[in-house]
N, C-alpha and C. Protein backbone atom coordinates (compact mmCIF):
# COMPACT_ATOMS: atom_id res chain seq x y z
N MET A 1 -22.15 74.87 -271.17
CA MET A 1 -20.97 74.08 -270.84
C MET A 1 -20.68 74.19 -269.35
N ARG A 2 -20.48 73.06 -268.74
CA ARG A 2 -20.23 73.05 -267.29
C ARG A 2 -18.91 73.71 -266.93
N ILE A 3 -17.90 73.58 -267.79
CA ILE A 3 -16.61 74.20 -267.48
C ILE A 3 -16.74 75.72 -267.43
N LEU A 4 -17.53 76.28 -268.33
CA LEU A 4 -17.73 77.73 -268.34
C LEU A 4 -18.48 78.19 -267.09
N GLU A 5 -19.45 77.40 -266.68
CA GLU A 5 -20.19 77.72 -265.45
C GLU A 5 -19.27 77.66 -264.24
N SER A 6 -18.41 76.66 -264.20
CA SER A 6 -17.46 76.53 -263.08
C SER A 6 -16.49 77.70 -263.04
N ILE A 7 -15.96 78.07 -264.20
CA ILE A 7 -15.05 79.21 -264.26
C ILE A 7 -15.77 80.48 -263.82
N ASP A 8 -17.00 80.65 -264.26
CA ASP A 8 -17.78 81.83 -263.88
C ASP A 8 -17.97 81.88 -262.37
N ARG A 9 -18.27 80.76 -261.77
CA ARG A 9 -18.48 80.69 -260.33
C ARG A 9 -17.19 80.96 -259.56
N MET A 10 -16.06 80.47 -260.08
CA MET A 10 -14.78 80.61 -259.37
C MET A 10 -14.08 81.94 -259.66
N SER A 11 -14.59 82.72 -260.59
CA SER A 11 -13.93 83.97 -260.99
C SER A 11 -14.19 85.07 -259.97
N THR A 12 -13.36 85.08 -258.95
CA THR A 12 -13.43 86.11 -257.92
C THR A 12 -12.07 86.80 -257.85
N LEU A 13 -12.05 87.97 -257.31
CA LEU A 13 -10.79 88.70 -257.16
C LEU A 13 -9.82 87.89 -256.29
N ARG A 14 -10.32 87.29 -255.24
CA ARG A 14 -9.48 86.48 -254.36
C ARG A 14 -8.83 85.33 -255.11
N ASN A 15 -9.61 84.59 -255.89
CA ASN A 15 -9.06 83.46 -256.65
C ASN A 15 -8.08 83.93 -257.72
N LEU A 16 -8.37 85.07 -258.33
CA LEU A 16 -7.46 85.62 -259.33
C LEU A 16 -6.12 85.96 -258.69
N VAL A 17 -6.15 86.64 -257.56
CA VAL A 17 -4.90 87.01 -256.87
C VAL A 17 -4.14 85.77 -256.43
N VAL A 18 -4.83 84.77 -255.90
CA VAL A 18 -4.17 83.53 -255.49
C VAL A 18 -3.48 82.86 -256.67
N MET A 19 -4.14 82.80 -257.81
CA MET A 19 -3.56 82.15 -258.99
C MET A 19 -2.36 82.95 -259.52
N ILE A 20 -2.47 84.28 -259.52
CA ILE A 20 -1.35 85.11 -259.99
C ILE A 20 -0.15 84.94 -259.06
N LEU A 21 -0.39 85.03 -257.76
CA LEU A 21 0.72 84.88 -256.80
C LEU A 21 1.34 83.48 -256.87
N THR A 22 0.51 82.46 -256.98
CA THR A 22 1.03 81.10 -257.08
C THR A 22 1.84 80.93 -258.35
N SER A 23 1.37 81.49 -259.47
CA SER A 23 2.12 81.44 -260.73
C SER A 23 3.48 82.08 -260.56
N PHE A 24 3.50 83.24 -259.94
CA PHE A 24 4.76 83.97 -259.73
C PHE A 24 5.72 83.15 -258.87
N ILE A 25 5.22 82.60 -257.78
CA ILE A 25 6.07 81.82 -256.88
C ILE A 25 6.62 80.58 -257.58
N VAL A 26 5.77 79.88 -258.31
CA VAL A 26 6.21 78.67 -259.02
C VAL A 26 7.28 79.01 -260.04
N VAL A 27 7.08 80.08 -260.81
CA VAL A 27 8.07 80.48 -261.81
C VAL A 27 9.39 80.85 -261.15
N MET A 28 9.34 81.57 -260.05
CA MET A 28 10.57 81.97 -259.37
C MET A 28 11.31 80.74 -258.82
N VAL A 29 10.59 79.83 -258.22
CA VAL A 29 11.22 78.62 -257.68
C VAL A 29 11.80 77.77 -258.81
N MET A 30 11.05 77.60 -259.90
CA MET A 30 11.56 76.83 -261.05
C MET A 30 12.81 77.48 -261.61
N ALA A 31 12.81 78.81 -261.75
CA ALA A 31 13.97 79.50 -262.30
C ALA A 31 15.18 79.34 -261.38
N MET A 32 14.96 79.46 -260.09
CA MET A 32 16.06 79.33 -259.13
C MET A 32 16.61 77.90 -259.15
N LEU A 33 15.72 76.91 -259.12
CA LEU A 33 16.17 75.52 -259.14
C LEU A 33 16.90 75.19 -260.44
N THR A 34 16.36 75.66 -261.55
CA THR A 34 16.98 75.39 -262.84
C THR A 34 18.36 76.02 -262.91
N GLN A 35 18.47 77.26 -262.47
CA GLN A 35 19.76 77.95 -262.53
C GLN A 35 20.79 77.27 -261.62
N THR A 36 20.40 77.03 -260.37
CA THR A 36 21.39 76.51 -259.42
C THR A 36 21.67 75.02 -259.58
N LEU A 37 20.66 74.24 -259.91
CA LEU A 37 20.85 72.79 -260.00
C LEU A 37 21.25 72.31 -261.39
N VAL A 38 20.88 73.06 -262.42
CA VAL A 38 21.13 72.58 -263.78
C VAL A 38 22.15 73.44 -264.51
N TYR A 39 21.82 74.69 -264.78
CA TYR A 39 22.65 75.50 -265.65
C TYR A 39 24.02 75.79 -265.05
N ASP A 40 24.09 76.08 -263.76
CA ASP A 40 25.39 76.36 -263.14
C ASP A 40 26.29 75.13 -263.14
N VAL A 41 25.69 73.93 -263.17
CA VAL A 41 26.47 72.70 -263.11
C VAL A 41 26.71 72.09 -264.49
N TYR A 42 25.66 72.05 -265.32
CA TYR A 42 25.72 71.28 -266.56
C TYR A 42 25.85 72.13 -267.83
N GLY A 43 25.64 73.42 -267.74
CA GLY A 43 25.76 74.27 -268.91
C GLY A 43 24.51 75.12 -269.10
N ASP A 44 24.73 76.33 -269.57
CA ASP A 44 23.63 77.28 -269.75
C ASP A 44 23.01 77.07 -271.13
N VAL A 45 21.75 76.65 -271.15
CA VAL A 45 21.03 76.40 -272.40
C VAL A 45 19.61 76.96 -272.27
N THR A 46 18.91 76.98 -273.38
CA THR A 46 17.50 77.38 -273.36
C THR A 46 16.68 76.13 -273.64
N MET A 47 15.88 75.75 -272.68
CA MET A 47 15.09 74.53 -272.83
C MET A 47 13.87 74.80 -273.71
N PRO A 48 13.30 73.72 -274.26
CA PRO A 48 12.24 73.85 -275.27
C PRO A 48 11.02 74.64 -274.83
N ASP A 49 10.58 74.49 -273.60
CA ASP A 49 9.32 75.12 -273.20
C ASP A 49 9.39 76.64 -273.13
N THR A 50 10.60 77.20 -273.17
CA THR A 50 10.73 78.65 -273.15
C THR A 50 10.90 79.24 -274.55
N ARG A 51 10.99 78.40 -275.55
CA ARG A 51 11.15 78.85 -276.94
C ARG A 51 9.79 78.89 -277.62
N ILE A 52 9.72 79.64 -278.70
CA ILE A 52 8.48 79.67 -279.48
C ILE A 52 8.41 78.46 -280.39
N THR A 53 9.54 78.08 -280.94
CA THR A 53 9.63 76.91 -281.80
C THR A 53 11.05 76.38 -281.73
N TYR A 54 11.26 75.16 -282.16
CA TYR A 54 12.59 74.57 -282.14
C TYR A 54 12.63 73.40 -283.11
N SER A 55 13.84 73.07 -283.48
CA SER A 55 14.05 71.97 -284.43
C SER A 55 14.65 70.78 -283.70
N PRO A 56 14.58 69.61 -284.30
CA PRO A 56 15.24 68.44 -283.70
C PRO A 56 16.74 68.67 -283.47
N ASN A 57 17.41 69.37 -284.39
CA ASN A 57 18.84 69.64 -284.21
C ASN A 57 19.11 70.54 -283.00
N GLU A 58 18.26 71.54 -282.82
CA GLU A 58 18.43 72.43 -281.66
C GLU A 58 18.25 71.66 -280.35
N ILE A 59 17.26 70.80 -280.31
CA ILE A 59 17.01 70.02 -279.10
C ILE A 59 18.14 69.03 -278.86
N THR A 60 18.64 68.42 -279.91
CA THR A 60 19.78 67.51 -279.77
C THR A 60 20.97 68.26 -279.18
N ASP A 61 21.24 69.47 -279.67
CA ASP A 61 22.35 70.26 -279.13
C ASP A 61 22.15 70.58 -277.65
N VAL A 62 20.92 71.00 -277.30
CA VAL A 62 20.62 71.32 -275.90
C VAL A 62 20.79 70.08 -275.02
N PHE A 63 20.21 68.98 -275.46
CA PHE A 63 20.28 67.75 -274.66
C PHE A 63 21.72 67.26 -274.54
N ASN A 64 22.50 67.37 -275.61
CA ASN A 64 23.90 66.95 -275.55
C ASN A 64 24.71 67.84 -274.61
N THR A 65 24.39 69.13 -274.57
CA THR A 65 25.07 70.05 -273.66
C THR A 65 24.81 69.66 -272.21
N LEU A 66 23.56 69.32 -271.90
CA LEU A 66 23.21 68.95 -270.53
C LEU A 66 23.63 67.53 -270.18
N GLY A 67 23.58 66.64 -271.16
CA GLY A 67 23.89 65.23 -270.89
C GLY A 67 22.77 64.56 -270.11
N GLN A 68 22.86 63.27 -269.97
CA GLN A 68 21.79 62.52 -269.31
C GLN A 68 21.59 62.97 -267.86
N GLU A 69 22.68 63.15 -267.15
CA GLU A 69 22.56 63.56 -265.74
C GLU A 69 21.93 64.95 -265.62
N GLY A 70 22.36 65.88 -266.46
CA GLY A 70 21.79 67.22 -266.44
C GLY A 70 20.32 67.22 -266.83
N LEU A 71 19.95 66.40 -267.81
CA LEU A 71 18.54 66.28 -268.21
C LEU A 71 17.69 65.71 -267.09
N ASN A 72 18.22 64.73 -266.38
CA ASN A 72 17.47 64.15 -265.26
C ASN A 72 17.25 65.17 -264.16
N VAL A 73 18.28 65.96 -263.86
CA VAL A 73 18.14 67.00 -262.84
C VAL A 73 17.15 68.07 -263.33
N TRP A 74 17.25 68.44 -264.62
CA TRP A 74 16.33 69.42 -265.18
C TRP A 74 14.89 68.91 -265.07
N ALA A 75 14.66 67.65 -265.41
CA ALA A 75 13.31 67.07 -265.35
C ALA A 75 12.77 67.13 -263.93
N GLN A 76 13.61 66.83 -262.95
CA GLN A 76 13.16 66.89 -261.55
C GLN A 76 12.87 68.32 -261.12
N ALA A 77 13.75 69.25 -261.50
CA ALA A 77 13.55 70.65 -261.13
C ALA A 77 12.28 71.21 -261.77
N HIS A 78 11.94 70.67 -262.93
CA HIS A 78 10.77 71.19 -263.64
C HIS A 78 9.49 70.40 -263.38
N MET A 79 9.48 69.58 -262.37
CA MET A 79 8.21 68.93 -262.00
C MET A 79 7.18 69.98 -261.60
N LEU A 80 7.67 71.14 -261.13
CA LEU A 80 6.76 72.25 -260.81
C LEU A 80 6.06 72.76 -262.07
N ASP A 81 6.61 72.44 -263.24
CA ASP A 81 5.97 72.86 -264.49
C ASP A 81 4.67 72.10 -264.75
N PHE A 82 4.35 71.17 -263.87
CA PHE A 82 3.03 70.54 -263.95
C PHE A 82 2.03 71.27 -263.05
N LEU A 83 2.51 72.17 -262.21
CA LEU A 83 1.64 73.04 -261.41
C LEU A 83 1.45 74.38 -262.12
N PHE A 84 2.50 74.88 -262.74
CA PHE A 84 2.46 76.21 -263.36
C PHE A 84 1.32 76.39 -264.37
N PRO A 85 1.13 75.48 -265.34
CA PRO A 85 0.03 75.71 -266.29
C PRO A 85 -1.34 75.81 -265.61
N LEU A 86 -1.52 75.03 -264.56
CA LEU A 86 -2.78 75.08 -263.83
C LEU A 86 -3.01 76.47 -263.25
N THR A 87 -1.95 77.07 -262.71
CA THR A 87 -2.11 78.39 -262.08
C THR A 87 -2.30 79.48 -263.12
N TYR A 88 -1.49 79.48 -264.18
CA TYR A 88 -1.63 80.58 -265.14
C TYR A 88 -2.90 80.45 -265.97
N MET A 89 -3.30 79.23 -266.30
CA MET A 89 -4.50 79.12 -267.14
C MET A 89 -5.74 79.58 -266.37
N PHE A 90 -5.79 79.28 -265.08
CA PHE A 90 -6.93 79.76 -264.30
C PHE A 90 -6.84 81.25 -264.01
N ALA A 91 -5.63 81.77 -263.80
CA ALA A 91 -5.48 83.21 -263.59
C ALA A 91 -5.99 83.98 -264.81
N ILE A 92 -5.59 83.55 -265.99
CA ILE A 92 -6.02 84.25 -267.20
C ILE A 92 -7.52 84.04 -267.42
N ALA A 93 -8.00 82.82 -267.22
CA ALA A 93 -9.44 82.55 -267.40
C ALA A 93 -10.27 83.37 -266.43
N PHE A 94 -9.85 83.44 -265.16
CA PHE A 94 -10.60 84.23 -264.18
C PHE A 94 -10.59 85.71 -264.58
N GLY A 95 -9.42 86.22 -264.98
CA GLY A 95 -9.32 87.62 -265.39
C GLY A 95 -10.21 87.92 -266.58
N LEU A 96 -10.17 87.06 -267.59
CA LEU A 96 -11.03 87.25 -268.76
C LEU A 96 -12.50 87.22 -268.37
N ASN A 97 -12.87 86.24 -267.57
CA ASN A 97 -14.28 86.12 -267.17
C ASN A 97 -14.74 87.33 -266.39
N MET A 98 -13.89 87.84 -265.51
CA MET A 98 -14.26 89.01 -264.73
C MET A 98 -14.44 90.23 -265.64
N GLU A 99 -13.59 90.34 -266.65
CA GLU A 99 -13.74 91.45 -267.60
C GLU A 99 -15.03 91.30 -268.42
N ILE A 100 -15.31 90.09 -268.85
CA ILE A 100 -16.54 89.84 -269.63
C ILE A 100 -17.76 90.22 -268.79
N ARG A 101 -17.72 89.89 -267.51
CA ARG A 101 -18.83 90.29 -266.62
C ARG A 101 -18.95 91.82 -266.54
N LYS A 102 -17.80 92.49 -266.34
CA LYS A 102 -17.81 93.95 -266.22
C LYS A 102 -18.34 94.61 -267.49
N LEU A 103 -18.05 94.01 -268.62
CA LEU A 103 -18.51 94.55 -269.90
C LEU A 103 -19.92 94.11 -270.24
N SER A 104 -20.49 93.28 -269.39
CA SER A 104 -21.86 92.76 -269.59
C SER A 104 -22.03 92.04 -270.92
N PHE A 105 -21.00 91.31 -271.31
CA PHE A 105 -21.11 90.46 -272.50
C PHE A 105 -21.81 89.17 -272.07
N ASP A 106 -23.08 89.08 -272.33
CA ASP A 106 -23.84 87.92 -271.90
C ASP A 106 -23.89 86.81 -272.94
N SER A 107 -23.38 87.08 -274.12
CA SER A 107 -23.47 86.05 -275.16
C SER A 107 -22.56 84.87 -274.80
N SER A 108 -23.01 83.71 -275.20
CA SER A 108 -22.22 82.51 -274.91
C SER A 108 -20.90 82.54 -275.68
N ASN A 109 -20.86 83.23 -276.82
CA ASN A 109 -19.61 83.33 -277.57
C ASN A 109 -18.55 84.09 -276.81
N ALA A 110 -18.93 85.19 -276.16
CA ALA A 110 -17.98 85.97 -275.37
C ALA A 110 -17.46 85.14 -274.20
N LYS A 111 -18.33 84.40 -273.56
CA LYS A 111 -17.91 83.57 -272.43
C LYS A 111 -16.95 82.46 -272.85
N LYS A 112 -17.03 82.05 -274.10
CA LYS A 112 -16.14 81.00 -274.60
C LYS A 112 -14.69 81.46 -274.71
N LEU A 113 -14.45 82.77 -274.61
CA LEU A 113 -13.09 83.28 -274.64
C LEU A 113 -12.25 82.72 -273.49
N VAL A 114 -12.90 82.37 -272.39
CA VAL A 114 -12.14 81.82 -271.25
C VAL A 114 -11.56 80.44 -271.58
N LEU A 115 -12.01 79.83 -272.66
CA LEU A 115 -11.45 78.54 -273.06
C LEU A 115 -10.04 78.69 -273.64
N ILE A 116 -9.70 79.88 -274.12
CA ILE A 116 -8.39 80.10 -274.73
C ILE A 116 -7.25 79.79 -273.76
N PRO A 117 -7.24 80.37 -272.55
CA PRO A 117 -6.14 80.04 -271.64
C PRO A 117 -6.19 78.58 -271.16
N LEU A 118 -7.38 78.01 -271.09
CA LEU A 118 -7.47 76.60 -270.69
C LEU A 118 -6.83 75.71 -271.76
N LEU A 119 -7.06 76.05 -273.01
CA LEU A 119 -6.43 75.30 -274.10
C LEU A 119 -4.91 75.50 -274.09
N ALA A 120 -4.47 76.71 -273.74
CA ALA A 120 -3.02 76.96 -273.63
C ALA A 120 -2.41 76.09 -272.54
N GLY A 121 -3.10 75.97 -271.42
CA GLY A 121 -2.60 75.12 -270.33
C GLY A 121 -2.55 73.66 -270.74
N ILE A 122 -3.57 73.20 -271.45
CA ILE A 122 -3.58 71.81 -271.92
C ILE A 122 -2.41 71.59 -272.89
N ALA A 123 -2.19 72.56 -273.79
CA ALA A 123 -1.05 72.45 -274.71
C ALA A 123 0.26 72.41 -273.94
N ASP A 124 0.35 73.18 -272.86
CA ASP A 124 1.56 73.18 -272.03
C ASP A 124 1.79 71.80 -271.42
N TYR A 125 0.73 71.17 -270.93
CA TYR A 125 0.86 69.83 -270.36
C TYR A 125 1.32 68.82 -271.41
N VAL A 126 0.75 68.89 -272.60
CA VAL A 126 1.14 67.98 -273.68
C VAL A 126 2.62 68.22 -274.04
N GLU A 127 2.99 69.48 -274.13
CA GLU A 127 4.39 69.83 -274.40
C GLU A 127 5.31 69.24 -273.34
N ASN A 128 4.96 69.43 -272.07
CA ASN A 128 5.79 68.91 -270.97
C ASN A 128 5.96 67.39 -271.07
N ILE A 129 4.88 66.71 -271.36
CA ILE A 129 4.94 65.25 -271.46
C ILE A 129 5.81 64.83 -272.63
N LEU A 130 5.66 65.50 -273.78
CA LEU A 130 6.47 65.15 -274.94
C LEU A 130 7.96 65.40 -274.69
N VAL A 131 8.29 66.52 -274.04
CA VAL A 131 9.69 66.81 -273.73
C VAL A 131 10.23 65.76 -272.76
N LEU A 132 9.43 65.39 -271.76
CA LEU A 132 9.88 64.36 -270.82
C LEU A 132 10.09 63.00 -271.50
N THR A 133 9.26 62.69 -272.52
CA THR A 133 9.48 61.43 -273.23
C THR A 133 10.83 61.45 -273.94
N GLN A 134 11.22 62.62 -274.42
CA GLN A 134 12.51 62.70 -275.11
C GLN A 134 13.68 62.68 -274.14
N ILE A 135 13.48 63.23 -272.95
CA ILE A 135 14.52 63.13 -271.91
C ILE A 135 14.70 61.67 -271.53
N ALA A 136 13.59 60.95 -271.39
CA ALA A 136 13.66 59.52 -271.05
C ALA A 136 14.30 58.71 -272.18
N ALA A 137 14.09 59.14 -273.43
CA ALA A 137 14.61 58.40 -274.58
C ALA A 137 16.06 58.77 -274.92
N TYR A 138 16.56 59.85 -274.36
CA TYR A 138 17.90 60.33 -274.69
C TYR A 138 18.92 59.23 -274.51
N PRO A 139 19.80 59.03 -275.45
CA PRO A 139 20.17 59.82 -276.62
C PRO A 139 19.42 59.45 -277.91
N ASN A 140 18.43 58.57 -277.81
CA ASN A 140 17.67 58.12 -278.98
C ASN A 140 16.44 59.00 -279.18
N LEU A 141 16.67 60.24 -279.58
CA LEU A 141 15.59 61.21 -279.73
C LEU A 141 14.78 60.93 -280.99
N SER A 142 13.50 61.25 -280.93
CA SER A 142 12.60 61.08 -282.07
C SER A 142 12.34 62.43 -282.72
N GLU A 143 12.75 62.57 -283.98
CA GLU A 143 12.51 63.83 -284.70
C GLU A 143 11.02 64.14 -284.78
N ILE A 144 10.21 63.13 -284.99
CA ILE A 144 8.76 63.35 -285.12
C ILE A 144 8.18 63.87 -283.81
N VAL A 145 8.56 63.27 -282.70
CA VAL A 145 8.05 63.73 -281.39
C VAL A 145 8.52 65.15 -281.13
N ILE A 146 9.75 65.45 -281.46
CA ILE A 146 10.27 66.81 -281.24
C ILE A 146 9.53 67.81 -282.13
N MET A 147 9.24 67.44 -283.37
CA MET A 147 8.51 68.34 -284.26
C MET A 147 7.07 68.56 -283.77
N ILE A 148 6.44 67.51 -283.27
CA ILE A 148 5.09 67.65 -282.70
C ILE A 148 5.14 68.53 -281.45
N ALA A 149 6.14 68.27 -280.60
CA ALA A 149 6.30 69.09 -279.38
C ALA A 149 6.51 70.55 -279.74
N SER A 150 7.31 70.81 -280.77
CA SER A 150 7.55 72.18 -281.21
C SER A 150 6.27 72.85 -281.68
N ALA A 151 5.46 72.12 -282.46
CA ALA A 151 4.18 72.67 -282.94
C ALA A 151 3.25 72.97 -281.76
N ILE A 152 3.23 72.09 -280.77
CA ILE A 152 2.38 72.30 -279.61
C ILE A 152 2.90 73.46 -278.77
N THR A 153 4.22 73.60 -278.68
CA THR A 153 4.81 74.74 -277.98
C THR A 153 4.39 76.04 -278.66
N THR A 154 4.46 76.08 -279.98
CA THR A 154 4.04 77.26 -280.73
C THR A 154 2.56 77.56 -280.48
N LEU A 155 1.73 76.52 -280.51
CA LEU A 155 0.31 76.68 -280.22
C LEU A 155 0.09 77.24 -278.83
N LYS A 156 0.84 76.72 -277.85
CA LYS A 156 0.73 77.23 -276.47
C LYS A 156 1.00 78.72 -276.42
N TRP A 157 2.10 79.16 -277.05
CA TRP A 157 2.46 80.58 -277.02
C TRP A 157 1.44 81.44 -277.76
N ILE A 158 0.90 80.94 -278.86
CA ILE A 158 -0.13 81.69 -279.59
C ILE A 158 -1.37 81.85 -278.72
N LEU A 159 -1.81 80.77 -278.08
CA LEU A 159 -3.00 80.84 -277.22
C LEU A 159 -2.76 81.75 -276.02
N LEU A 160 -1.57 81.67 -275.42
CA LEU A 160 -1.27 82.56 -274.30
C LEU A 160 -1.25 84.01 -274.75
N GLY A 161 -0.62 84.27 -275.88
CA GLY A 161 -0.59 85.63 -276.41
C GLY A 161 -1.98 86.15 -276.70
N LEU A 162 -2.81 85.30 -277.28
CA LEU A 162 -4.19 85.69 -277.59
C LEU A 162 -4.96 85.98 -276.30
N GLY A 163 -4.79 85.14 -275.29
CA GLY A 163 -5.45 85.37 -274.01
C GLY A 163 -5.06 86.71 -273.40
N PHE A 164 -3.75 87.01 -273.39
CA PHE A 164 -3.30 88.29 -272.85
C PHE A 164 -3.75 89.45 -273.71
N LEU A 165 -3.74 89.28 -275.02
CA LEU A 165 -4.19 90.33 -275.92
C LEU A 165 -5.64 90.71 -275.63
N ILE A 166 -6.48 89.70 -275.46
CA ILE A 166 -7.90 89.98 -275.17
C ILE A 166 -8.03 90.71 -273.84
N ILE A 167 -7.29 90.26 -272.84
CA ILE A 167 -7.34 90.94 -271.53
C ILE A 167 -6.96 92.41 -271.69
N PHE A 168 -5.85 92.66 -272.42
CA PHE A 168 -5.37 94.03 -272.55
C PHE A 168 -6.23 94.88 -273.48
N VAL A 169 -6.98 94.27 -274.38
CA VAL A 169 -7.92 95.01 -275.21
C VAL A 169 -9.15 95.40 -274.38
N PHE A 170 -9.58 94.51 -273.51
CA PHE A 170 -10.76 94.79 -272.68
C PHE A 170 -10.51 95.87 -271.62
N ILE A 171 -9.29 96.00 -271.13
CA ILE A 171 -9.01 96.96 -270.05
C ILE A 171 -9.37 98.39 -270.46
N PRO A 172 -8.90 98.90 -271.61
CA PRO A 172 -9.30 100.28 -271.96
C PRO A 172 -10.80 100.43 -272.19
N VAL A 173 -11.44 99.38 -272.67
CA VAL A 173 -12.89 99.44 -272.87
C VAL A 173 -13.58 99.60 -271.51
N ILE A 174 -13.14 98.84 -270.52
CA ILE A 174 -13.71 98.94 -269.16
C ILE A 174 -13.46 100.34 -268.59
N VAL A 175 -12.22 100.84 -268.74
CA VAL A 175 -11.89 102.17 -268.23
C VAL A 175 -12.73 103.23 -268.93
N TYR A 176 -12.85 103.13 -270.25
CA TYR A 176 -13.66 104.08 -271.01
C TYR A 176 -15.11 104.09 -270.53
N ARG A 177 -15.68 102.91 -270.34
CA ARG A 177 -17.08 102.84 -269.87
C ARG A 177 -17.24 103.44 -268.48
N ARG A 178 -16.25 103.23 -267.63
CA ARG A 178 -16.34 103.81 -266.27
C ARG A 178 -16.22 105.32 -266.30
N LEU A 179 -15.32 105.84 -267.14
CA LEU A 179 -15.13 107.29 -267.22
C LEU A 179 -16.34 107.96 -267.87
N ARG A 180 -17.00 107.27 -268.75
CA ARG A 180 -18.15 107.81 -269.47
C ARG A 180 -19.36 107.95 -268.55
N ILE A 181 -19.45 107.16 -267.53
CA ILE A 181 -20.62 107.16 -266.65
C ILE A 181 -20.56 108.27 -265.64
């Protein structure tokens, strides 16, 4: 697979650090913009992308609390959320790939583990688009779109959790192998 070869080629400590730092900066800026431009003005709520799952009623309540103007400001403040998945999915993929190299897992199955964070990022993009469609449709929200968005949000969190779990499982194995030598 060409994507796996590209990830393998780009998996350097420098690229990993750049992606981690960029992820951190984007999250901090998004949090600051959301707090100062949205929550302080329109009401403190928890938006869908930070939840594990949500129902149409919960989203209706959140959207009603913010109102159309608050939702529009939130959507603008969260345009950075189209950069964030790119940074975190590559950070996790690079980290996983670097660990796979250190562990000398040469099988193609082990290398396919780097697809997990990439799939999480794709799910995040789909989630973002679905939430934005509902902001644009407000107050005429679609229960089906919200339920699909909720399922994709859950999938995103499962894939992210799995990606981090694999990273954290590999770390002691790497340390053990180094101490053993």
